Amino acid sequence: MEMTRTIPEEQWNPFIENFSREHMGWVATIDVLDRVAGPQHVAEGLPLQGISFDTKGSRPNAIEIAAGDKPGSHVTHIVDMPLYIREARESDGSVDLQIEPARGPMTLIHLRGPVH
């Protein structure tokens, strides 16, 4: 059974910090769901290095997702101006994080158990 919830905007920063800490090292697949071009893989099967929410830096109101632990397989993906963050927990223990920006395609991060 899937449990889905929308994260209230005022909770984004602590939610992202906790989520990143809890899921560091989990196997991540990152997809961009473009309505015109269709789904596009950004990363597949890479360990999650972290997710951060930047409210004041060079890209204010952006979420940065980093995956991969080797120089040749490291990916950073940025979602500018998020409008919605949704979390879905599956009965098999996997977790999906959906980030919908003000403009542009939605990002879907699928995580399953940590890399051993």
C-alpha atoms as a PDB file:
ATOM      1  CA  MET A   1       0.000   0.000   0.000  1.00  0.00           C
ATOM      2  CA  GLU A   2       1.335   3.408  -0.983  1.00  0.00           C
ATOM      3  CA  MET A   3       1.279   6.358   1.412  1.00  0.00           C
ATOM      4  CA  THR A   4       1.537   9.737  -0.330  1.00  0.00           C
ATOM      5  CA  ARG A   5       1.765  13.157   1.260  1.00  0.00           C
ATOM      6  CA  THR A   6       2.406  16.700   0.072  1.00  0.00           C
ATOM      7  CA  ILE A   7       5.007  18.501   2.164  1.00  0.00           C
ATOM      8  CA  PRO A   8       3.854  21.984   3.276  1.00  0.00           C
ATOM      9  CA  GLU A   9       6.158  24.731   1.961  1.00  0.00           C
ATOM     10  CA  GLU A  10       7.072  25.960   5.454  1.00  0.00           C
ATOM     11  CA  GLN A  11       8.461  22.466   6.200  1.00  0.00           C
ATOM     12  CA  TRP A  12      10.555  22.039   3.034  1.00  0.00           C
ATOM     13  CA  ASN A  13      13.938  22.880   4.546  1.00  0.00           C
ATOM     14  CA  PRO A  14      13.761  20.545   7.581  1.00  0.00           C
ATOM     15  CA  PHE A  15      12.029  17.856   5.502  1.00  0.00           C
ATOM     16  CA  ILE A  16      14.765  17.916   2.821  1.00  0.00           C
ATOM     17  CA  GLU A  17      17.526  17.853   5.470  1.00  0.00           C
ATOM     18  CA  ASN A  18      15.980  14.859   7.277  1.00  0.00           C
ATOM     19  CA  PHE A  19      15.060  13.047   4.067  1.00  0.00           C
ATOM     20  CA  SER A  20      18.584  13.455   2.702  1.00  0.00           C
ATOM     21  CA  ARG A  21      20.187  12.222   5.921  1.00  0.00           C
ATOM     22  CA  GLU A  22      17.833   9.204   6.192  1.00  0.00           C
ATOM     23  CA  HIS A  23      18.277   8.120   2.568  1.00  0.00           C
ATOM     24  CA  MET A  24      21.955   8.835   1.916  1.00  0.00           C
ATOM     25  CA  GLY A  25      23.463   5.852   0.135  1.00  0.00           C
ATOM     26  CA  TRP A  26      20.122   4.490  -1.076  1.00  0.00           C
ATOM     27  CA  VAL A  27      19.992   3.443  -4.744  1.00  0.00           C
ATOM     28  CA  ALA A  28      18.554   6.376  -6.693  1.00  0.00           C
ATOM     29  CA  THR A  29      16.895   6.696 -10.060  1.00  0.00           C
ATOM     30  CA  ILE A  30      16.238  10.287 -11.093  1.00  0.00           C
ATOM     31  CA  ASP A  31      13.841  11.013 -13.952  1.00  0.00           C
ATOM     32  CA  VAL A  32      12.662  14.246 -15.503  1.00  0.00           C
ATOM     33  CA  LEU A  33       9.063  13.958 -16.672  1.00  0.00           C
ATOM     34  CA  ASP A  34       8.825  16.337 -19.622  1.00  0.00           C
ATOM     35  CA  ARG A  35       5.339  16.608 -21.147  1.00  0.00           C
ATOM     36  CA  VAL A  36       6.728  17.284 -24.625  1.00  0.00           C
ATOM     37  CA  ALA A  37       9.900  15.161 -24.796  1.00  0.00           C
ATOM     38  CA  GLY A  38       8.621  12.412 -22.485  1.00  0.00           C
ATOM     39  CA  PRO A  39      10.460  10.877 -19.514  1.00  0.00           C
ATOM     40  CA  GLN A  40      14.238  11.259 -19.464  1.00  0.00           C
ATOM     41  CA  HIS A  41      16.705   9.469 -17.180  1.00  0.00           C
ATOM     42  CA  VAL A  42      19.096  11.754 -15.307  1.00  0.00           C
ATOM     43  CA  ALA A  43      20.565   8.956 -13.190  1.00  0.00           C
ATOM     44  CA  GLU A  44      19.872   5.274 -12.699  1.00  0.00           C
ATOM     45  CA  GLY A  45      21.079   2.966  -9.947  1.00  0.00           C
ATOM     46  CA  LEU A  46      23.450   5.472  -8.316  1.00  0.00           C
ATOM     47  CA  PRO A  47      23.828   5.928  -4.540  1.00  0.00           C
ATOM     48  CA  LEU A  48      22.154   9.098  -3.290  1.00  0.00           C
ATOM     49  CA  GLN A  49      24.760  11.539  -1.996  1.00  0.00           C
ATOM     50  CA  GLY A  50      22.284  14.124  -0.781  1.00  0.00           C
ATOM     51  CA  ILE A  51      19.492  16.589  -1.427  1.00  0.00           C
ATOM     52  CA  SER A  52      19.679  20.215  -0.362  1.00  0.00           C
ATOM     53  CA  PHE A  53      17.328  23.176  -0.478  1.00  0.00           C
ATOM     54  CA  ASP A  54      19.022  26.489  -1.259  1.00  0.00           C
ATOM     55  CA  THR A  55      17.059  29.546  -0.171  1.00  0.00           C
ATOM     56  CA  LYS A  56      19.787  32.200  -0.361  1.00  0.00           C
ATOM     57  CA  GLY A  57      22.730  31.067  -2.534  1.00  0.00           C
ATOM     58  CA  SER A  58      23.523  31.570  -6.188  1.00  0.00           C
ATOM     59  CA  ARG A  59      20.250  29.811  -7.136  1.00  0.00           C
ATOM     60  CA  PRO A  60      17.719  30.819  -4.466  1.00  0.00           C
ATOM     61  CA  ASN A  61      14.712  28.567  -4.093  1.00  0.00           C
ATOM     62  CA  ALA A  62      16.365  25.612  -5.802  1.00  0.00           C
ATOM     63  CA  ILE A  63      16.643  21.982  -4.789  1.00  0.00           C
ATOM     64  CA  GLU A  64      19.898  20.212  -5.647  1.00  0.00           C
ATOM     65  CA  ILE A  65      20.055  16.426  -5.898  1.00  0.00           C
ATOM     66  CA  ALA A  66      23.425  14.635  -6.008  1.00  0.00           C
ATOM     67  CA  ALA A  67      23.916  10.942  -6.777  1.00  0.00           C
ATOM     68  CA  GLY A  68      26.892   8.734  -7.572  1.00  0.00           C
ATOM     69  CA  ASP A  69      30.061   8.117  -5.605  1.00  0.00           C
ATOM     70  CA  LYS A  70      32.659   7.869  -8.367  1.00  0.00           C
ATOM     71  CA  PRO A  71      34.045  10.707 -10.541  1.00  0.00           C
ATOM     72  CA  GLY A  72      32.775   9.129 -13.775  1.00  0.00           C
ATOM     73  CA  SER A  73      29.309   8.409 -12.419  1.00  0.00           C
ATOM     74  CA  HIS A  74      28.422  11.489 -10.392  1.00  0.00           C
ATOM     75  CA  VAL A  75      25.264  13.422 -11.285  1.00  0.00           C
ATOM     76  CA  THR A  76      23.920  16.710  -9.940  1.00  0.00           C
ATOM     77  CA  HIS A  77      20.385  17.750 -10.851  1.00  0.00           C
ATOM     78  CA  ILE A  78      18.810  21.085  -9.902  1.00  0.00           C
ATOM     79  CA  VAL A  79      15.104  21.912  -9.711  1.00  0.00           C
ATOM     80  CA  ASP A  80      14.504  25.670  -9.759  1.00  0.00           C
ATOM     81  CA  MET A  81      11.580  27.296  -7.978  1.00  0.00           C
ATOM     82  CA  PRO A  82       9.729  24.235  -6.661  1.00  0.00           C
ATOM     83  CA  LEU A  83       5.974  24.578  -6.173  1.00  0.00           C
ATOM     84  CA  TYR A  84       5.200  21.155  -4.697  1.00  0.00           C
ATOM     85  CA  ILE A  85       7.158  18.400  -3.000  1.00  0.00           C
ATOM     86  CA  ARG A  86       5.397  15.067  -2.576  1.00  0.00           C
ATOM     87  CA  GLU A  87       6.637  11.912  -0.882  1.00  0.00           C
ATOM     88  CA  ALA A  88       5.279   8.426  -1.565  1.00  0.00           C
ATOM     89  CA  ARG A  89       6.298   5.429   0.542  1.00  0.00           C
ATOM     90  CA  GLU A  90       5.716   1.986  -0.928  1.00  0.00           C
ATOM     91  CA  SER A  91       4.993  -1.206   0.999  1.00  0.00           C
ATOM     92  CA  ASP A  92       8.289  -2.682  -0.276  1.00  0.00           C
ATOM     93  CA  GLY A  93      10.224   0.067   1.556  1.00  0.00           C
ATOM     94  CA  SER A  94      11.043   2.130  -1.528  1.00  0.00           C
ATOM     95  CA  VAL A  95      10.393   5.870  -1.507  1.00  0.00           C
ATOM     96  CA  ASP A  96       9.514   8.310  -4.294  1.00  0.00           C
ATOM     97  CA  LEU A  97      10.062  12.039  -4.059  1.00  0.00           C
ATOM     98  CA  GLN A  98       8.260  14.145  -6.655  1.00  0.00           C
ATOM     99  CA  ILE A  99       9.349  17.768  -7.112  1.00  0.00           C
ATOM    100  CA  GLU A 100       7.165  19.965  -9.299  1.00  0.00           C
ATOM    101  CA  PRO A 101       8.694  23.315 -10.324  1.00  0.00           C
ATOM    102  CA  ALA A 102       6.938  26.564 -11.227  1.00  0.00           C
ATOM    103  CA  ARG A 103       8.167  26.099 -14.809  1.00  0.00           C
ATOM    104  CA  GLY A 104       9.583  23.126 -16.589  1.00  0.00           C
ATOM    105  CA  PRO A 105       9.403  19.389 -16.139  1.00  0.00           C
ATOM    106  CA  MET A 106       8.676  17.529 -12.927  1.00  0.00           C
ATOM    107  CA  THR A 107      11.510  15.557 -11.275  1.00  0.00           C
ATOM    108  CA  LEU A 108      10.895  12.118  -9.816  1.00  0.00           C
ATOM    109  CA  ILE A 109      13.455  10.520  -7.483  1.00  0.00           C
ATOM    110  CA  HIS A 110      12.907   6.816  -6.804  1.00  0.00           C
ATOM    111  CA  LEU A 111      14.918   5.349  -3.908  1.00  0.00           C
ATOM    112  CA  ARG A 112      15.272   1.768  -2.799  1.00  0.00           C
ATOM    113  CA  GLY A 113      17.291   0.363   0.138  1.00  0.00           C
ATOM    114  CA  PRO A 114      20.890   1.446   0.764  1.00  0.00           C
ATOM    115  CA  VAL A 115      23.815   0.195  -1.340  1.00  0.00           C
ATOM    116  CA  HIS A 116      25.786  -2.517   0.474  1.00  0.00           C
END
